[in-house]
Amino acid sequence: MTLPDLLLSQLSDPFRIGLLIALFITMLRTRTASGIWVPLAAGVVFVAVILPTTMQNTLAAPLSQVIGVGVLANVVIVALIMAAWEVYQRVRR
């Protein structure tokens, strides 16, 4: 599997997207106590590591590559979630 194919498959993974939406909602609820960036960064790395290490099938690429591309995919998804949240906040006002 090539890197672009791996990235596209991770960007379209519904379980990954759901985990990152839950991460974002949790960050919103706890941002006064723990801030914004540290929980998001920790969650992005956690999701990138936990998904390929718990997969039941064999990986199409080395684990380090899958995790690296997973971090990139998670950053893109979280950026899209944050952008959608900002648009929602501006429209709501």
PDB file of N, CA and C in Angstrom:
ATOM      1  N   MET A   1       0.861  -1.170   0.000  1.00  0.00           N
ATOM      2  CA  MET A   1       0.000   0.000   0.000  1.00  0.00           C
ATOM      3  C   MET A   1       0.906   1.231   0.000  1.00  0.00           C
ATOM      4  N   THR A   2       0.609   2.162  -0.900  1.00  0.00           N
ATOM      5  CA  THR A   2       1.407   3.383  -0.971  1.00  0.00           C
ATOM      6  C   THR A   2       0.975   4.349   0.127  1.00  0.00           C
ATOM      7  N   LEU A   3       1.819   5.338   0.393  1.00  0.00           N
ATOM      8  CA  LEU A   3       1.511   6.300   1.450  1.00  0.00           C
ATOM      9  C   LEU A   3       0.237   7.103   1.173  1.00  0.00           C
ATOM     10  N   PRO A   4       0.006   7.592  -0.060  1.00  0.00           N
ATOM     11  CA  PRO A   4      -1.268   8.285  -0.298  1.00  0.00           C
ATOM     12  C   PRO A   4      -2.494   7.396  -0.069  1.00  0.00           C
ATOM     13  N   ASP A   5      -2.392   6.128  -0.461  1.00  0.00           N
ATOM     14  CA  ASP A   5      -3.506   5.199  -0.221  1.00  0.00           C
ATOM     15  C   ASP A   5      -3.721   4.993   1.273  1.00  0.00           C
ATOM     16  N   LEU A   6      -2.625   4.874   2.005  1.00  0.00           N
ATOM     17  CA  LEU A   6      -2.707   4.711   3.451  1.00  0.00           C
ATOM     18  C   LEU A   6      -3.332   5.936   4.102  1.00  0.00           C
ATOM     19  N   LEU A   7      -2.922   7.121   3.659  1.00  0.00           N
ATOM     20  CA  LEU A   7      -3.479   8.360   4.200  1.00  0.00           C
ATOM     21  C   LEU A   7      -4.971   8.458   3.906  1.00  0.00           C
ATOM     22  N   LEU A   8      -5.373   8.168   2.688  1.00  0.00           N
ATOM     23  CA  LEU A   8      -6.795   8.231   2.337  1.00  0.00           C
ATOM     24  C   LEU A   8      -7.620   7.217   3.113  1.00  0.00           C
ATOM     25  N   SER A   9      -7.072   6.036   3.322  1.00  0.00           N
ATOM     26  CA  SER A   9      -7.826   5.042   4.089  1.00  0.00           C
ATOM     27  C   SER A   9      -7.971   5.473   5.543  1.00  0.00           C
ATOM     28  N   GLN A  10      -6.956   6.127   6.089  1.00  0.00           N
ATOM     29  CA  GLN A  10      -7.052   6.583   7.471  1.00  0.00           C
ATOM     30  C   GLN A  10      -7.940   7.820   7.596  1.00  0.00           C
ATOM     31  N   LEU A  11      -7.938   8.682   6.597  1.00  0.00           N
ATOM     32  CA  LEU A  11      -8.811   9.857   6.631  1.00  0.00           C
ATOM     33  C   LEU A  11     -10.285   9.473   6.530  1.00  0.00           C
ATOM     34  N   SER A  12     -10.574   8.350   5.907  1.00  0.00           N
ATOM     35  CA  SER A  12     -11.970   7.938   5.731  1.00  0.00           C
ATOM     36  C   SER A  12     -12.413   6.865   6.728  1.00  0.00           C
ATOM     37  N   ASP A  13     -11.608   6.587   7.727  1.00  0.00           N
ATOM     38  CA  ASP A  13     -11.944   5.581   8.731  1.00  0.00           C
ATOM     39  C   ASP A  13     -12.982   6.153   9.701  1.00  0.00           C
ATOM     40  N   PRO A  14     -14.205   5.639   9.716  1.00  0.00           N
ATOM     41  CA  PRO A  14     -15.244   6.205  10.575  1.00  0.00           C
ATOM     42  C   PRO A  14     -14.945   6.056  12.064  1.00  0.00           C
ATOM     43  N   PHE A  15     -14.275   4.978  12.462  1.00  0.00           N
ATOM     44  CA  PHE A  15     -13.933   4.794  13.872  1.00  0.00           C
ATOM     45  C   PHE A  15     -12.935   5.855  14.324  1.00  0.00           C
ATOM     46  N   ARG A  16     -11.945   6.152  13.489  1.00  0.00           N
ATOM     47  CA  ARG A  16     -10.958   7.184  13.784  1.00  0.00           C
ATOM     48  C   ARG A  16     -11.637   8.551  13.898  1.00  0.00           C
ATOM     49  N   ILE A  17     -12.522   8.839  12.975  1.00  0.00           N
ATOM     50  CA  ILE A  17     -13.224  10.129  12.997  1.00  0.00           C
ATOM     51  C   ILE A  17     -14.075  10.240  14.258  1.00  0.00           C
ATOM     52  N   GLY A  18     -14.770   9.175  14.612  1.00  0.00           N
ATOM     53  CA  GLY A  18     -15.581   9.180  15.830  1.00  0.00           C
ATOM     54  C   GLY A  18     -14.749   9.386  17.081  1.00  0.00           C
ATOM     55  N   LEU A  19     -13.604   8.720  17.158  1.00  0.00           N
ATOM     56  CA  LEU A  19     -12.718   8.904  18.312  1.00  0.00           C
ATOM     57  C   LEU A  19     -12.216  10.345  18.406  1.00  0.00           C
ATOM     58  N   LEU A  20     -11.892  10.943  17.282  1.00  0.00           N
ATOM     59  CA  LEU A  20     -11.382  12.307  17.301  1.00  0.00           C
ATOM     60  C   LEU A  20     -12.477  13.323  17.607  1.00  0.00           C
ATOM     61  N   ILE A  21     -13.705  13.056  17.185  1.00  0.00           N
ATOM     62  CA  ILE A  21     -14.818  13.937  17.569  1.00  0.00           C
ATOM     63  C   ILE A  21     -15.051  13.844  19.072  1.00  0.00           C
ATOM     64  N   ALA A  22     -15.003  12.638  19.606  1.00  0.00           N
ATOM     65  CA  ALA A  22     -15.146  12.472  21.060  1.00  0.00           C
ATOM     66  C   ALA A  22     -14.006  13.150  21.801  1.00  0.00           C
ATOM     67  N   LEU A  23     -12.804  13.070  21.264  1.00  0.00           N
ATOM     68  CA  LEU A  23     -11.661  13.764  21.856  1.00  0.00           C
ATOM     69  C   LEU A  23     -11.893  15.266  21.879  1.00  0.00           C
ATOM     70  N   PHE A  24     -12.400  15.810  20.794  1.00  0.00           N
ATOM     71  CA  PHE A  24     -12.650  17.246  20.711  1.00  0.00           C
ATOM     72  C   PHE A  24     -13.734  17.674  21.706  1.00  0.00           C
ATOM     73  N   ILE A  25     -14.790  16.906  21.810  1.00  0.00           N
ATOM     74  CA  ILE A  25     -15.856  17.231  22.760  1.00  0.00           C
ATOM     75  C   ILE A  25     -15.333  17.175  24.188  1.00  0.00           C
ATOM     76  N   THR A  26     -14.519  16.186  24.493  1.00  0.00           N
ATOM     77  CA  THR A  26     -13.916  16.090  25.820  1.00  0.00           C
ATOM     78  C   THR A  26     -13.010  17.282  26.086  1.00  0.00           C
ATOM     79  N   MET A  27     -12.242  17.701  25.092  1.00  0.00           N
ATOM     80  CA  MET A  27     -11.383  18.873  25.243  1.00  0.00           C
ATOM     81  C   MET A  27     -12.213  20.115  25.526  1.00  0.00           C
ATOM     82  N   LEU A  28     -13.339  20.257  24.858  1.00  0.00           N
ATOM     83  CA  LEU A  28     -14.192  21.425  25.101  1.00  0.00           C
ATOM     84  C   LEU A  28     -14.712  21.448  26.534  1.00  0.00           C
ATOM     85  N   ARG A  29     -15.031  20.289  27.065  1.00  0.00           N
ATOM     86  CA  ARG A  29     -15.580  20.220  28.425  1.00  0.00           C
ATOM     87  C   ARG A  29     -14.523  20.429  29.495  1.00  0.00           C
ATOM     88  N   THR A  30     -13.269  20.096  29.205  1.00  0.00           N
ATOM     89  CA  THR A  30     -12.222  20.169  30.227  1.00  0.00           C
ATOM     90  C   THR A  30     -11.170  21.243  29.938  1.00  0.00           C
ATOM     91  N   ARG A  31     -11.434  22.135  28.993  1.00  0.00           N
ATOM     92  CA  ARG A  31     -10.400  23.093  28.599  1.00  0.00           C
ATOM     93  C   ARG A  31     -10.030  24.078  29.697  1.00  0.00           C
ATOM     94  N   THR A  32     -10.928  24.365  30.631  1.00  0.00           N
ATOM     95  CA  THR A  32     -10.571  25.288  31.708  1.00  0.00           C
ATOM     96  C   THR A  32      -9.570  24.654  32.668  1.00  0.00           C
ATOM     97  N   ALA A  33      -9.618  23.360  32.830  1.00  0.00           N
ATOM     98  CA  ALA A  33      -8.703  22.682  33.752  1.00  0.00           C
ATOM     99  C   ALA A  33      -7.409  22.238  33.077  1.00  0.00           C
ATOM    100  N   SER A  34      -7.490  21.798  31.823  1.00  0.00           N
ATOM    101  CA  SER A  34      -6.306  21.203  31.199  1.00  0.00           C
ATOM    102  C   SER A  34      -5.834  21.916  29.944  1.00  0.00           C
ATOM    103  N   GLY A  35      -6.514  22.954  29.516  1.00  0.00           N
ATOM    104  CA  GLY A  35      -6.101  23.659  28.317  1.00  0.00           C
ATOM    105  C   GLY A  35      -6.644  23.014  27.058  1.00  0.00           C
ATOM    106  N   ILE A  36      -6.106  23.472  25.932  1.00  0.00           N
ATOM    107  CA  ILE A  36      -6.600  23.003  24.638  1.00  0.00           C
ATOM    108  C   ILE A  36      -5.571  22.130  23.925  1.00  0.00           C
ATOM    109  N   TRP A  37      -4.355  22.603  23.803  1.00  0.00           N
ATOM    110  CA  TRP A  37      -3.388  21.984  22.898  1.00  0.00           C
ATOM    111  C   TRP A  37      -2.774  20.700  23.422  1.00  0.00           C
ATOM    112  N   VAL A  38      -2.478  20.628  24.702  1.00  0.00           N
ATOM    113  CA  VAL A  38      -1.862  19.407  25.235  1.00  0.00           C
ATOM    114  C   VAL A  38      -2.824  18.213  25.142  1.00  0.00           C
ATOM    115  N   PRO A  39      -4.085  18.347  25.565  1.00  0.00           N
ATOM    116  CA  PRO A  39      -4.993  17.198  25.406  1.00  0.00           C
ATOM    117  C   PRO A  39      -5.219  16.798  23.947  1.00  0.00           C
ATOM    118  N   LEU A  40      -5.312  17.791  23.055  1.00  0.00           N
ATOM    119  CA  LEU A  40      -5.500  17.449  21.644  1.00  0.00           C
ATOM    120  C   LEU A  40      -4.272  16.733  21.087  1.00  0.00           C
ATOM    121  N   ALA A  41      -3.084  17.220  21.403  1.00  0.00           N
ATOM    122  CA  ALA A  41      -1.862  16.586  20.903  1.00  0.00           C
ATOM    123  C   ALA A  41      -1.730  15.163  21.453  1.00  0.00           C
ATOM    124  N   ALA A  42      -1.994  15.006  22.746  1.00  0.00           N
ATOM    125  CA  ALA A  42      -1.904  13.674  23.342  1.00  0.00           C
ATOM    126  C   ALA A  42      -2.938  12.734  22.730  1.00  0.00           C
ATOM    127  N   GLY A  43      -4.136  13.226  22.492  1.00  0.00           N
ATOM    128  CA  GLY A  43      -5.184  12.401  21.892  1.00  0.00           C
ATOM    129  C   GLY A  43      -4.880  12.020  20.456  1.00  0.00           C
ATOM    130  N   VAL A  44      -4.320  12.959  19.702  1.00  0.00           N
ATOM    131  CA  VAL A  44      -3.959  12.675  18.307  1.00  0.00           C
ATOM    132  C   VAL A  44      -2.921  11.557  18.249  1.00  0.00           C
ATOM    133  N   VAL A  45      -1.918  11.635  19.097  1.00  0.00           N
ATOM    134  CA  VAL A  45      -0.887  10.597  19.111  1.00  0.00           C
ATOM    135  C   VAL A  45      -1.463   9.288  19.634  1.00  0.00           C
ATOM    136  N   PHE A  46      -2.289   9.353  20.669  1.00  0.00           N
ATOM    137  CA  PHE A  46      -2.882   8.137  21.238  1.00  0.00           C
ATOM    138  C   PHE A  46      -3.707   7.395  20.196  1.00  0.00           C
ATOM    139  N   VAL A  47      -4.569   8.103  19.478  1.00  0.00           N
ATOM    140  CA  VAL A  47      -5.406   7.454  18.460  1.00  0.00           C
ATOM    141  C   VAL A  47      -4.538   6.900  17.333  1.00  0.00           C
ATOM    142  N   ALA A  48      -3.473   7.627  16.963  1.00  0.00           N
ATOM    143  CA  ALA A  48      -2.596   7.159  15.885  1.00  0.00           C
ATOM    144  C   ALA A  48      -1.859   5.885  16.275  1.00  0.00           C
ATOM    145  N   VAL A  49      -1.578   5.707  17.563  1.00  0.00           N
ATOM    146  CA  VAL A  49      -0.851   4.512  18.005  1.00  0.00           C
ATOM    147  C   VAL A  49      -1.812   3.363  18.300  1.00  0.00           C
ATOM    148  N   ILE A  50      -2.920   3.651  18.953  1.00  0.00           N
ATOM    149  CA  ILE A  50      -3.803   2.582  19.430  1.00  0.00           C
ATOM    150  C   ILE A  50      -4.518   1.849  18.288  1.00  0.00           C
ATOM    151  N   LEU A  51      -4.904   2.555  17.247  1.00  0.00           N
ATOM    152  CA  LEU A  51      -5.650   1.887  16.169  1.00  0.00           C
ATOM    153  C   LEU A  51      -4.820   0.842  15.428  1.00  0.00           C
ATOM    154  N   PRO A  52      -3.623   1.153  14.933  1.00  0.00           N
ATOM    155  CA  PRO A  52      -2.894   0.093  14.211  1.00  0.00           C
ATOM    156  C   PRO A  52      -2.353  -1.012  15.118  1.00  0.00           C
ATOM    157  N   THR A  53      -2.107  -0.700  16.387  1.00  0.00           N
ATOM    158  CA  THR A  53      -1.577  -1.749  17.256  1.00  0.00           C
ATOM    159  C   THR A  53      -2.650  -2.716  17.719  1.00  0.00           C
ATOM    160  N   THR A  54      -3.904  -2.345  17.616  1.00  0.00           N
ATOM    161  CA  THR A  54      -4.980  -3.245  18.026  1.00  0.00           C
ATOM    162  C   THR A  54      -5.730  -3.855  16.847  1.00  0.00           C
ATOM    163  N   MET A  55      -5.293  -3.577  15.627  1.00  0.00           N
ATOM    164  CA  MET A  55      -5.953  -4.146  14.451  1.00  0.00           C
ATOM    165  C   MET A  55      -5.737  -5.655  14.422  1.00  0.00           C
ATOM    166  N   GLN A  56      -6.758  -6.369  13.998  1.00  0.00           N
ATOM    167  CA  GLN A  56      -6.679  -7.826  13.972  1.00  0.00           C
ATOM    168  C   GLN A  56      -6.027  -8.350  12.696  1.00  0.00           C
ATOM    169  N   ASN A  57      -6.071  -7.562  11.631  1.00  0.00           N
ATOM    170  CA  ASN A  57      -5.477  -8.026  10.381  1.00  0.00           C
ATOM    171  C   ASN A  57      -4.033  -7.533  10.276  1.00  0.00           C
ATOM    172  N   THR A  58      -3.337  -7.992   9.272  1.00  0.00           N
ATOM    173  CA  THR A  58      -1.945  -7.590   9.093  1.00  0.00           C
ATOM    174  C   THR A  58      -1.885  -6.190   8.488  1.00  0.00           C
ATOM    175  N   LEU A  59      -0.846  -5.465   8.837  1.00  0.00           N
ATOM    176  CA  LEU A  59      -0.669  -4.115   8.342  1.00  0.00           C
ATOM    177  C   LEU A  59      -0.095  -4.137   6.931  1.00  0.00           C
ATOM    178  N   ALA A  60      -0.473  -3.144   6.142  1.00  0.00           N
ATOM    179  CA  ALA A  60      -0.004  -3.072   4.767  1.00  0.00           C
ATOM    180  C   ALA A  60       1.346  -2.378   4.665  1.00  0.00           C
ATOM    181  N   ALA A  61       1.805  -1.784   5.756  1.00  0.00           N
ATOM    182  CA  ALA A  61       3.074  -1.064   5.783  1.00  0.00           C
ATOM    183  C   ALA A  61       3.699  -1.291   7.159  1.00  0.00           C
ATOM    184  N   PRO A  62       4.967  -0.918   7.324  1.00  0.00           N
ATOM    185  CA  PRO A  62       5.577  -1.041   8.656  1.00  0.00           C
ATOM    186  C   PRO A  62       4.821  -0.210   9.695  1.00  0.00           C
ATOM    187  N   LEU A  63       4.830  -0.678  10.930  1.00  0.00           N
ATOM    188  CA  LEU A  63       4.071  -0.030  11.996  1.00  0.00           C
ATOM    189  C   LEU A  63       4.455   1.433  12.170  1.00  0.00           C
ATOM    190  N   SER A  64       5.730   1.750  12.071  1.00  0.00           N
ATOM    191  CA  SER A  64       6.155   3.143  12.245  1.00  0.00           C
ATOM    192  C   SER A  64       5.577   4.039  11.155  1.00  0.00           C
ATOM    193  N   GLN A  65       5.488   3.534   9.932  1.00  0.00           N
ATOM    194  CA  GLN A  65       4.889   4.302   8.841  1.00  0.00           C
ATOM    195  C   GLN A  65       3.395   4.502   9.070  1.00  0.00           C
ATOM    196  N   VAL A  66       2.728   3.466   9.487  1.00  0.00           N
ATOM    197  CA  VAL A  66       1.286   3.549   9.723  1.00  0.00           C
ATOM    198  C   VAL A  66       1.000   4.553  10.841  1.00  0.00           C
ATOM    199  N   ILE A  67       1.806   4.545  11.894  1.00  0.00           N
ATOM    200  CA  ILE A  67       1.610   5.485  13.000  1.00  0.00           C
ATOM    201  C   ILE A  67       1.917   6.905  12.546  1.00  0.00           C
ATOM    202  N   GLY A  68       2.982   7.093  11.791  1.00  0.00           N
ATOM    203  CA  GLY A  68       3.329   8.427  11.298  1.00  0.00           C
ATOM    204  C   GLY A  68       2.251   9.013  10.402  1.00  0.00           C
ATOM    205  N   VAL A  69       1.757   8.212   9.482  1.00  0.00           N
ATOM    206  CA  VAL A  69       0.680   8.672   8.604  1.00  0.00           C
ATOM    207  C   VAL A  69      -0.603   8.867   9.415  1.00  0.00           C
ATOM    208  N   GLY A  70      -0.787   8.058  10.445  1.00  0.00           N
ATOM    209  CA  GLY A  70      -1.952   8.206  11.315  1.00  0.00           C
ATOM    210  C   GLY A  70      -1.937   9.535  12.064  1.00  0.00           C
ATOM    211  N   VAL A  71      -0.759   9.940  12.523  1.00  0.00           N
ATOM    212  CA  VAL A  71      -0.650  11.249  13.189  1.00  0.00           C
ATOM    213  C   VAL A  71      -1.026  12.350  12.216  1.00  0.00           C
ATOM    214  N   LEU A  72      -0.524  12.264  10.986  1.00  0.00           N
ATOM    215  CA  LEU A  72      -0.852  13.263   9.971  1.00  0.00           C
ATOM    216  C   LEU A  72      -2.355  13.274   9.680  1.00  0.00           C
ATOM    217  N   ALA A  73      -2.945  12.118   9.518  1.00  0.00           N
ATOM    218  CA  ALA A  73      -4.380  12.030   9.248  1.00  0.00           C
ATOM    219  C   ALA A  73      -5.182  12.591  10.420  1.00  0.00           C
ATOM    220  N   ASN A  74      -4.760  12.288  11.645  1.00  0.00           N
ATOM    221  CA  ASN A  74      -5.468  12.789  12.821  1.00  0.00           C
ATOM    222  C   ASN A  74      -5.384  14.302  12.920  1.00  0.00           C
ATOM    223  N   VAL A  75      -4.227  14.866  12.605  1.00  0.00           N
ATOM    224  CA  VAL A  75      -4.076  16.325  12.633  1.00  0.00           C
ATOM    225  C   VAL A  75      -5.016  16.970  11.619  1.00  0.00           C
ATOM    226  N   VAL A  76      -5.104  16.381  10.444  1.00  0.00           N
ATOM    227  CA  VAL A  76      -6.006  16.927   9.414  1.00  0.00           C
ATOM    228  C   VAL A  76      -7.460  16.843   9.887  1.00  0.00           C
ATOM    229  N   ILE A  77      -7.850  15.717  10.439  1.00  0.00           N
ATOM    230  CA  ILE A  77      -9.233  15.551  10.902  1.00  0.00           C
ATOM    231  C   ILE A  77      -9.545  16.510  12.046  1.00  0.00           C
ATOM    232  N   VAL A  78      -8.631  16.639  13.008  1.00  0.00           N
ATOM    233  CA  VAL A  78      -8.854  17.555  14.134  1.00  0.00           C
ATOM    234  C   VAL A  78      -8.905  18.997  13.638  1.00  0.00           C
ATOM    235  N   ALA A  79      -8.081  19.345  12.653  1.00  0.00           N
ATOM    236  CA  ALA A  79      -8.129  20.696  12.092  1.00  0.00           C
ATOM    237  C   ALA A  79      -9.485  20.962  11.432  1.00  0.00           C
ATOM    238  N   LEU A  80     -10.022  19.972  10.727  1.00  0.00           N
ATOM    239  CA  LEU A  80     -11.348  20.126  10.119  1.00  0.00           C
ATOM    240  C   LEU A  80     -12.440  20.247  11.174  1.00  0.00           C
ATOM    241  N   ILE A  81     -12.320  19.480  12.248  1.00  0.00           N
ATOM    242  CA  ILE A  81     -13.295  19.561  13.342  1.00  0.00           C
ATOM    243  C   ILE A  81     -13.226  20.932  13.999  1.00  0.00           C
ATOM    244  N   MET A  82     -12.014  21.432  14.233  1.00  0.00           N
ATOM    245  CA  MET A  82     -11.853  22.755  14.847  1.00  0.00           C
ATOM    246  C   MET A  82     -12.392  23.853  13.934  1.00  0.00           C
ATOM    247  N   ALA A  83     -12.160  23.738  12.637  1.00  0.00           N
ATOM    248  CA  ALA A  83     -12.683  24.725  11.684  1.00  0.00           C
ATOM    249  C   ALA A  83     -14.207  24.705  11.669  1.00  0.00           C
ATOM    250  N   ALA A  84     -14.789  23.516  11.684  1.00  0.00           N
ATOM    251  CA  ALA A  84     -16.250  23.417  11.708  1.00  0.00           C
ATOM    252  C   ALA A  84     -16.805  24.008  13.000  1.00  0.00           C
ATOM    253  N   TRP A  85     -16.120  23.786  14.114  1.00  0.00           N
ATOM    254  CA  TRP A  85     -16.555  24.342  15.393  1.00  0.00           C
ATOM    255  C   TRP A  85     -16.491  25.877  15.367  1.00  0.00           C
ATOM    256  N   GLU A  86     -15.435  26.428  14.797  1.00  0.00           N
ATOM    257  CA  GLU A  86     -15.307  27.888  14.717  1.00  0.00           C
ATOM    258  C   GLU A  86     -16.397  28.474  13.824  1.00  0.00           C
ATOM    259  N   VAL A  87     -16.688  27.823  12.714  1.00  0.00           N
ATOM    260  CA  VAL A  87     -17.770  28.295  11.838  1.00  0.00           C
ATOM    261  C   VAL A  87     -19.100  28.248  12.592  1.00  0.00           C
ATOM    262  N   TYR A  88     -19.334  27.168  13.298  1.00  0.00           N
ATOM    263  CA  TYR A  88     -20.565  27.052  14.093  1.00  0.00           C
ATOM    264  C   TYR A  88     -20.651  28.156  15.133  1.00  0.00           C
ATOM    265  N   GLN A  89     -19.561  28.444  15.820  1.00  0.00           N
ATOM    266  CA  GLN A  89     -19.554  29.494  16.831  1.00  0.00           C
ATOM    267  C   GLN A  89     -19.831  30.867  16.222  1.00  0.00           C
ATOM    268  N   ARG A  90     -19.271  31.149  15.072  1.00  0.00           N
ATOM    269  CA  ARG A  90     -19.488  32.448  14.418  1.00  0.00           C
ATOM    270  C   ARG A  90     -20.926  32.588  13.904  1.00  0.00           C
ATOM    271  N   VAL A  91     -21.487  31.517  13.375  1.00  0.00           N
ATOM    272  CA  VAL A  91     -22.868  31.559  12.873  1.00  0.00           C
ATOM    273  C   VAL A  91     -23.854  31.693  14.041  1.00  0.00           C
ATOM    274  N   ARG A  92     -23.527  31.059  15.136  1.00  0.00           N
ATOM    275  CA  ARG A  92     -24.406  31.088  16.304  1.00  0.00           C
ATOM    276  C   ARG A  92     -24.501  32.477  16.925  1.00  0.00           C
ATOM    277  N   ARG A  93     -23.452  33.270  16.816  1.00  0.00           N
ATOM    278  CA  ARG A  93     -23.462  34.619  17.394  1.00  0.00           C
ATOM    279  C   ARG A  93     -24.230  35.555  16.580  1.00  0.00           C
TER     280      ARG A  93
END
